[in-house]
PDB file of N, CA and C in Angstrom:
ATOM      1  N   MET A   1      58.089  -4.594   3.473  1.00  0.00           N
ATOM      2  CA  MET A   1      59.064  -5.294   2.654  1.00  0.00           C
ATOM      3  C   MET A   1      60.409  -5.387   3.376  1.00  0.00           C
ATOM      4  N   ASN A   2      60.806  -4.298   4.043  1.00  0.00           N
ATOM      5  CA  ASN A   2      62.072  -4.316   4.770  1.00  0.00           C
ATOM      6  C   ASN A   2      62.053  -5.333   5.899  1.00  0.00           C
ATOM      7  N   LYS A   3      60.893  -5.511   6.524  1.00  0.00           N
ATOM      8  CA  LYS A   3      60.778  -6.465   7.623  1.00  0.00           C
ATOM      9  C   LYS A   3      61.034  -7.882   7.132  1.00  0.00           C
ATOM     10  N   VAL A   4      60.518  -8.195   5.967  1.00  0.00           N
ATOM     11  CA  VAL A   4      60.708  -9.531   5.402  1.00  0.00           C
ATOM     12  C   VAL A   4      62.180  -9.755   5.075  1.00  0.00           C
ATOM     13  N   ILE A   5      62.825  -8.762   4.514  1.00  0.00           N
ATOM     14  CA  ILE A   5      64.244  -8.876   4.168  1.00  0.00           C
ATOM     15  C   ILE A   5      65.083  -9.071   5.422  1.00  0.00           C
ATOM     16  N   ILE A   6      64.798  -8.295   6.462  1.00  0.00           N
ATOM     17  CA  ILE A   6      65.539  -8.427   7.722  1.00  0.00           C
ATOM     18  C   ILE A   6      65.332  -9.815   8.308  1.00  0.00           C
ATOM     19  N   PHE A   7      64.091 -10.292   8.288  1.00  0.00           N
ATOM     20  CA  PHE A   7      63.783 -11.622   8.816  1.00  0.00           C
ATOM     21  C   PHE A   7      64.568 -12.694   8.067  1.00  0.00           C
ATOM     22  N   ILE A   8      64.589 -12.610   6.751  1.00  0.00           N
ATOM     23  CA  ILE A   8      65.311 -13.590   5.937  1.00  0.00           C
ATOM     24  C   ILE A   8      66.808 -13.533   6.225  1.00  0.00           C
ATOM     25  N   LEU A   9      67.357 -12.333   6.363  1.00  0.00           N
ATOM     26  CA  LEU A   9      68.782 -12.200   6.659  1.00  0.00           C
ATOM     27  C   LEU A   9      69.143 -12.800   8.013  1.00  0.00           C
ATOM     28  N   ILE A  10      68.275 -12.622   8.987  1.00  0.00           N
ATOM     29  CA  ILE A  10      68.543 -13.202  10.306  1.00  0.00           C
ATOM     30  C   ILE A  10      68.504 -14.722  10.233  1.00  0.00           C
ATOM     31  N   ILE A  11      67.523 -15.263   9.513  1.00  0.00           N
ATOM     32  CA  ILE A  11      67.439 -16.717   9.375  1.00  0.00           C
ATOM     33  C   ILE A  11      68.677 -17.262   8.667  1.00  0.00           C
ATOM     34  N   ILE A  12      69.130 -16.583   7.632  1.00  0.00           N
ATOM     35  CA  ILE A  12      70.334 -17.018   6.918  1.00  0.00           C
ATOM     36  C   ILE A  12      71.544 -16.964   7.844  1.00  0.00           C
ATOM     37  N   THR A  13      71.653 -15.881   8.618  1.00  0.00           N
ATOM     38  CA  THR A  13      72.765 -15.749   9.557  1.00  0.00           C
ATOM     39  C   THR A  13      72.745 -16.871  10.580  1.00  0.00           C
ATOM     40  N   LEU A  14      71.563 -17.153  11.123  1.00  0.00           N
ATOM     41  CA  LEU A  14      71.451 -18.239  12.101  1.00  0.00           C
ATOM     42  C   LEU A  14      71.824 -19.582  11.484  1.00  0.00           C
ATOM     43  N   SER A  15      71.412 -19.803  10.242  1.00  0.00           N
ATOM     44  CA  SER A  15      71.726 -21.088   9.613  1.00  0.00           C
ATOM     45  C   SER A  15      73.228 -21.246   9.406  1.00  0.00           C
ATOM     46  N   PHE A  16      73.921 -20.143   9.056  1.00  0.00           N
ATOM     47  CA  PHE A  16      75.374 -20.226   8.911  1.00  0.00           C
ATOM     48  C   PHE A  16      76.041 -20.474  10.257  1.00  0.00           C
ATOM     49  N   VAL A  17      75.591 -19.768  11.275  1.00  0.00           N
ATOM     50  CA  VAL A  17      76.202 -19.928  12.593  1.00  0.00           C
ATOM     51  C   VAL A  17      75.943 -21.318  13.138  1.00  0.00           C
ATOM     52  N   LEU A  18      74.703 -21.783  13.035  1.00  0.00           N
ATOM     53  CA  LEU A  18      74.384 -23.109  13.550  1.00  0.00           C
ATOM     54  C   LEU A  18      75.024 -24.199  12.702  1.00  0.00           C
ATOM     55  N   GLY A  19      75.290 -23.899  11.444  1.00  0.00           N
ATOM     56  CA  GLY A  19      75.971 -24.858  10.585  1.00  0.00           C
ATOM     57  C   GLY A  19      77.429 -25.045  10.965  1.00  0.00           C
ATOM     58  N   GLU A  20      77.991 -24.080  11.686  1.00  0.00           N
ATOM     59  CA  GLU A  20      79.387 -24.150  12.099  1.00  0.00           C
ATOM     60  C   GLU A  20      79.559 -24.738  13.492  1.00  0.00           C
ATOM     61  N   THR A  21      78.486 -25.248  14.080  1.00  0.00           N
ATOM     62  CA  THR A  21      78.600 -25.811  15.424  1.00  0.00           C
ATOM     63  C   THR A  21      79.420 -27.086  15.392  1.00  0.00           C
ATOM     64  N   ASN A  22      80.112 -27.311  16.440  1.00  0.00           N
ATOM     65  CA  ASN A  22      80.935 -28.519  16.567  1.00  0.00           C
ATOM     66  C   ASN A  22      80.392 -29.349  17.709  1.00  0.00           C
ATOM     67  N   GLU A  23      80.181 -30.640  17.435  1.00  0.00           N
ATOM     68  CA  GLU A  23      79.692 -31.508  18.500  1.00  0.00           C
ATOM     69  C   GLU A  23      80.848 -31.848  19.427  1.00  0.00           C
ATOM     70  N   ALA A  24      80.589 -31.753  20.713  1.00  0.00           N
ATOM     71  CA  ALA A  24      81.591 -32.084  21.723  1.00  0.00           C
ATOM     72  C   ALA A  24      81.068 -33.251  22.550  1.00  0.00           C
ATOM     73  N   ASP A  25      81.788 -33.613  23.583  1.00  0.00           N
ATOM     74  CA  ASP A  25      81.341 -34.697  24.458  1.00  0.00           C
ATOM     75  C   ASP A  25      79.980 -34.358  25.038  1.00  0.00           C
ATOM     76  N   GLY A  26      79.123 -35.345  25.111  1.00  0.00           N
ATOM     77  CA  GLY A  26      77.796 -35.119  25.672  1.00  0.00           C
ATOM     78  C   GLY A  26      76.853 -34.421  24.712  1.00  0.00           C
ATOM     79  N   LEU A  27      77.188 -34.422  23.429  1.00  0.00           N
ATOM     80  CA  LEU A  27      76.366 -33.783  22.392  1.00  0.00           C
ATOM     81  C   LEU A  27      76.091 -32.315  22.682  1.00  0.00           C
ATOM     82  N   VAL A  28      77.060 -31.635  23.259  1.00  0.00           N
ATOM     83  CA  VAL A  28      76.932 -30.203  23.525  1.00  0.00           C
ATOM     84  C   VAL A  28      77.521 -29.470  22.334  1.00  0.00           C
ATOM     85  N   CYS A  29      76.771 -28.534  21.792  1.00  0.00           N
ATOM     86  CA  CYS A  29      77.250 -27.756  20.649  1.00  0.00           C
ATOM     87  C   CYS A  29      77.845 -26.452  21.150  1.00  0.00           C
ATOM     88  N   LYS A  30      78.940 -26.073  20.545  1.00  0.00           N
ATOM     89  CA  LYS A  30      79.575 -24.817  20.923  1.00  0.00           C
ATOM     90  C   LYS A  30      79.713 -23.958  19.680  1.00  0.00           C
ATOM     91  N   ILE A  31      79.484 -22.674  19.847  1.00  0.00           N
ATOM     92  CA  ILE A  31      79.643 -21.711  18.767  1.00  0.00           C
ATOM     93  C   ILE A  31      80.672 -20.696  19.236  1.00  0.00           C
ATOM     94  N   LYS A  32      81.483 -20.222  18.338  1.00  0.00           N
ATOM     95  CA  LYS A  32      82.468 -19.209  18.695  1.00  0.00           C
ATOM     96  C   LYS A  32      81.753 -17.994  19.274  1.00  0.00           C
ATOM     97  N   SER A  33      82.351 -17.389  20.282  1.00  0.00           N
ATOM     98  CA  SER A  33      81.712 -16.247  20.942  1.00  0.00           C
ATOM     99  C   SER A  33      81.524 -15.087  19.972  1.00  0.00           C
ATOM    100  N   GLN A  34      82.419 -14.940  19.009  1.00  0.00           N
ATOM    101  CA  GLN A  34      82.280 -13.866  18.025  1.00  0.00           C
ATOM    102  C   GLN A  34      81.028 -14.079  17.173  1.00  0.00           C
ATOM    103  N   ASP A  35      80.747 -15.324  16.789  1.00  0.00           N
ATOM    104  CA  ASP A  35      79.553 -15.623  16.006  1.00  0.00           C
ATOM    105  C   ASP A  35      78.296 -15.330  16.810  1.00  0.00           C
ATOM    106  N   CYS A  36      78.313 -15.703  18.094  1.00  0.00           N
ATOM    107  CA  CYS A  36      77.157 -15.423  18.950  1.00  0.00           C
ATOM    108  C   CYS A  36      76.926 -13.924  19.056  1.00  0.00           C
ATOM    109  N   SER A  37      77.998 -13.190  19.189  1.00  0.00           N
ATOM    110  CA  SER A  37      77.895 -11.737  19.300  1.00  0.00           C
ATOM    111  C   SER A  37      77.316 -11.135  18.023  1.00  0.00           C
ATOM    112  N   GLU A  38      77.753 -11.623  16.872  1.00  0.00           N
ATOM    113  CA  GLU A  38      77.251 -11.108  15.595  1.00  0.00           C
ATOM    114  C   GLU A  38      75.770 -11.419  15.413  1.00  0.00           C
ATOM    115  N   VAL A  39      75.363 -12.622  15.783  1.00  0.00           N
ATOM    116  CA  VAL A  39      73.952 -12.994  15.663  1.00  0.00           C
ATOM    117  C   VAL A  39      73.109 -12.153  16.612  1.00  0.00           C
ATOM    118  N   PHE A  40      73.595 -11.966  17.832  1.00  0.00           N
ATOM    119  CA  PHE A  40      72.859 -11.163  18.805  1.00  0.00           C
ATOM    120  C   PHE A  40      72.715  -9.726  18.314  1.00  0.00           C
ATOM    121  N   ASN A  41      73.794  -9.155  17.771  1.00  0.00           N
ATOM    122  CA  ASN A  41      73.728  -7.782  17.257  1.00  0.00           C
ATOM    123  C   ASN A  41      72.762  -7.673  16.083  1.00  0.00           C
ATOM    124  N   ALA A  42      72.760  -8.667  15.202  1.00  0.00           N
ATOM    125  CA  ALA A  42      71.821  -8.655  14.072  1.00  0.00           C
ATOM    126  C   ALA A  42      70.386  -8.730  14.567  1.00  0.00           C
ATOM    127  N   PHE A  43      70.152  -9.554  15.586  1.00  0.00           N
ATOM    128  CA  PHE A  43      68.809  -9.665  16.157  1.00  0.00           C
ATOM    129  C   PHE A  43      68.371  -8.348  16.787  1.00  0.00           C
ATOM    130  N   MET A  44      69.263  -7.711  17.534  1.00  0.00           N
ATOM    131  CA  MET A  44      68.911  -6.444  18.184  1.00  0.00           C
ATOM    132  C   MET A  44      68.636  -5.355  17.147  1.00  0.00           C
ATOM    133  N   ASP A  45      69.409  -5.327  16.065  1.00  0.00           N
ATOM    134  CA  ASP A  45      69.154  -4.363  14.990  1.00  0.00           C
ATOM    135  C   ASP A  45      67.794  -4.615  14.356  1.00  0.00           C
ATOM    136  N   ALA A  46      67.488  -5.881  14.117  1.00  0.00           N
ATOM    137  CA  ALA A  46      66.191  -6.216  13.524  1.00  0.00           C
ATOM    138  C   ALA A  46      65.062  -5.841  14.468  1.00  0.00           C
ATOM    139  N   LYS A  47      65.260  -6.100  15.747  1.00  0.00           N
ATOM    140  CA  LYS A  47      64.223  -5.790  16.735  1.00  0.00           C
ATOM    141  C   LYS A  47      63.984  -4.283  16.812  1.00  0.00           C
ATOM    142  N   LYS A  48      65.064  -3.515  16.673  1.00  0.00           N
ATOM    143  CA  LYS A  48      64.959  -2.059  16.709  1.00  0.00           C
ATOM    144  C   LYS A  48      64.186  -1.547  15.490  1.00  0.00           C
ATOM    145  N   ASN A  49      64.448  -2.144  14.331  1.00  0.00           N
ATOM    146  CA  ASN A  49      63.816  -1.701  13.088  1.00  0.00           C
ATOM    147  C   ASN A  49      62.445  -2.324  12.864  1.00  0.00           C
ATOM    148  N   TRP A  50      62.169  -3.407  13.534  1.00  0.00           N
ATOM    149  CA  TRP A  50      60.927  -4.148  13.327  1.00  0.00           C
ATOM    150  C   TRP A  50      60.102  -4.032  14.598  1.00  0.00           C
ATOM    151  N   LYS A  51      59.357  -2.956  14.699  1.00  0.00           N
ATOM    152  CA  LYS A  51      58.644  -2.596  15.930  1.00  0.00           C
ATOM    153  C   LYS A  51      57.646  -3.666  16.368  1.00  0.00           C
ATOM    154  N   GLU A  52      57.014  -4.339  15.426  1.00  0.00           N
ATOM    155  CA  GLU A  52      55.987  -5.320  15.764  1.00  0.00           C
ATOM    156  C   GLU A  52      56.454  -6.738  15.431  1.00  0.00           C
ATOM    157  N   MET A  53      57.629  -7.086  15.936  1.00  0.00           N
ATOM    158  CA  MET A  53      58.171  -8.419  15.684  1.00  0.00           C
ATOM    159  C   MET A  53      57.255  -9.472  16.315  1.00  0.00           C
ATOM    160  N   PRO A  54      56.890 -10.492  15.554  1.00  0.00           N
ATOM    161  CA  PRO A  54      56.029 -11.541  16.119  1.00  0.00           C
ATOM    162  C   PRO A  54      56.683 -12.196  17.335  1.00  0.00           C
ATOM    163  N   GLU A  55      55.885 -12.469  18.335  1.00  0.00           N
ATOM    164  CA  GLU A  55      56.403 -13.081  19.562  1.00  0.00           C
ATOM    165  C   GLU A  55      57.013 -14.454  19.280  1.00  0.00           C
ATOM    166  N   SER A  56      56.460 -15.165  18.303  1.00  0.00           N
ATOM    167  CA  SER A  56      56.990 -16.492  17.980  1.00  0.00           C
ATOM    168  C   SER A  56      58.433 -16.402  17.471  1.00  0.00           C
ATOM    169  N   PHE A  57      58.729 -15.371  16.671  1.00  0.00           N
ATOM    170  CA  PHE A  57      60.096 -15.201  16.177  1.00  0.00           C
ATOM    171  C   PHE A  57      61.023 -14.820  17.322  1.00  0.00           C
ATOM    172  N   ASN A  58      60.548 -13.938  18.181  1.00  0.00           N
ATOM    173  CA  ASN A  58      61.347 -13.511  19.327  1.00  0.00           C
ATOM    174  C   ASN A  58      61.689 -14.712  20.212  1.00  0.00           C
ATOM    175  N   SER A  59      60.707 -15.539  20.516  1.00  0.00           N
ATOM    176  CA  SER A  59      60.952 -16.697  21.382  1.00  0.00           C
ATOM    177  C   SER A  59      61.833 -17.737  20.685  1.00  0.00           C
ATOM    178  N   LEU A  60      61.702 -17.877  19.363  1.00  0.00           N
ATOM    179  CA  LEU A  60      62.554 -18.794  18.610  1.00  0.00           C
ATOM    180  C   LEU A  60      64.011 -18.371  18.718  1.00  0.00           C
ATOM    181  N   PHE A  61      64.271 -17.082  18.525  1.00  0.00           N
ATOM    182  CA  PHE A  61      65.641 -16.595  18.611  1.00  0.00           C
ATOM    183  C   PHE A  61      66.205 -16.804  20.011  1.00  0.00           C
ATOM    184  N   VAL A  62      65.430 -16.429  21.022  1.00  0.00           N
ATOM    185  CA  VAL A  62      65.907 -16.564  22.403  1.00  0.00           C
ATOM    186  C   VAL A  62      66.239 -18.022  22.710  1.00  0.00           C
ATOM    187  N   SER A  63      65.387 -18.926  22.262  1.00  0.00           N
ATOM    188  CA  SER A  63      65.624 -20.349  22.485  1.00  0.00           C
ATOM    189  C   SER A  63      66.909 -20.810  21.797  1.00  0.00           C
ATOM    190  N   LEU A  64      67.086 -20.445  20.533  1.00  0.00           N
ATOM    191  CA  LEU A  64      68.291 -20.835  19.800  1.00  0.00           C
ATOM    192  C   LEU A  64      69.541 -20.230  20.420  1.00  0.00           C
ATOM    193  N   PHE A  65      69.442 -18.956  20.785  1.00  0.00           N
ATOM    194  CA  PHE A  65      70.603 -18.253  21.327  1.00  0.00           C
ATOM    195  C   PHE A  65      71.068 -18.889  22.632  1.00  0.00           C
ATOM    196  N   PHE A  66      70.133 -19.167  23.536  1.00  0.00           N
ATOM    197  CA  PHE A  66      70.522 -19.720  24.828  1.00  0.00           C
ATOM    198  C   PHE A  66      70.932 -21.191  24.738  1.00  0.00           C
ATOM    199  N   ASN A  67      70.449 -21.912  23.737  1.00  0.00           N
ATOM    200  CA  ASN A  67      70.848 -23.311  23.585  1.00  0.00           C
ATOM    201  C   ASN A  67      72.224 -23.468  22.952  1.00  0.00           C
ATOM    202  N   TYR A  68      72.623 -22.519  22.109  1.00  0.00           N
ATOM    203  CA  TYR A  68      73.866 -22.677  21.363  1.00  0.00           C
ATOM    204  C   TYR A  68      74.967 -21.698  21.744  1.00  0.00           C
ATOM    205  N   CYS A  69      74.640 -20.646  22.473  1.00  0.00           N
ATOM    206  CA  CYS A  69      75.666 -19.648  22.821  1.00  0.00           C
ATOM    207  C   CYS A  69      75.959 -19.662  24.305  1.00  0.00           C
TER     208      CYS A  69
END
């Protein structure tokens, strides 16, 4: 049950952070470094508490993080 709650919280956090992106020249999105840091810390906490995190979720986060941060 805790794993599901953590997963939902991370998705909500990502949606808020990605919702605050600003389009710049060349359709490049930028996120404040503080927001990236908070999302990364939330992901690392979830990964620490969620020993068997699905690889698909892990790769989704990595893809989003490197594309927007």
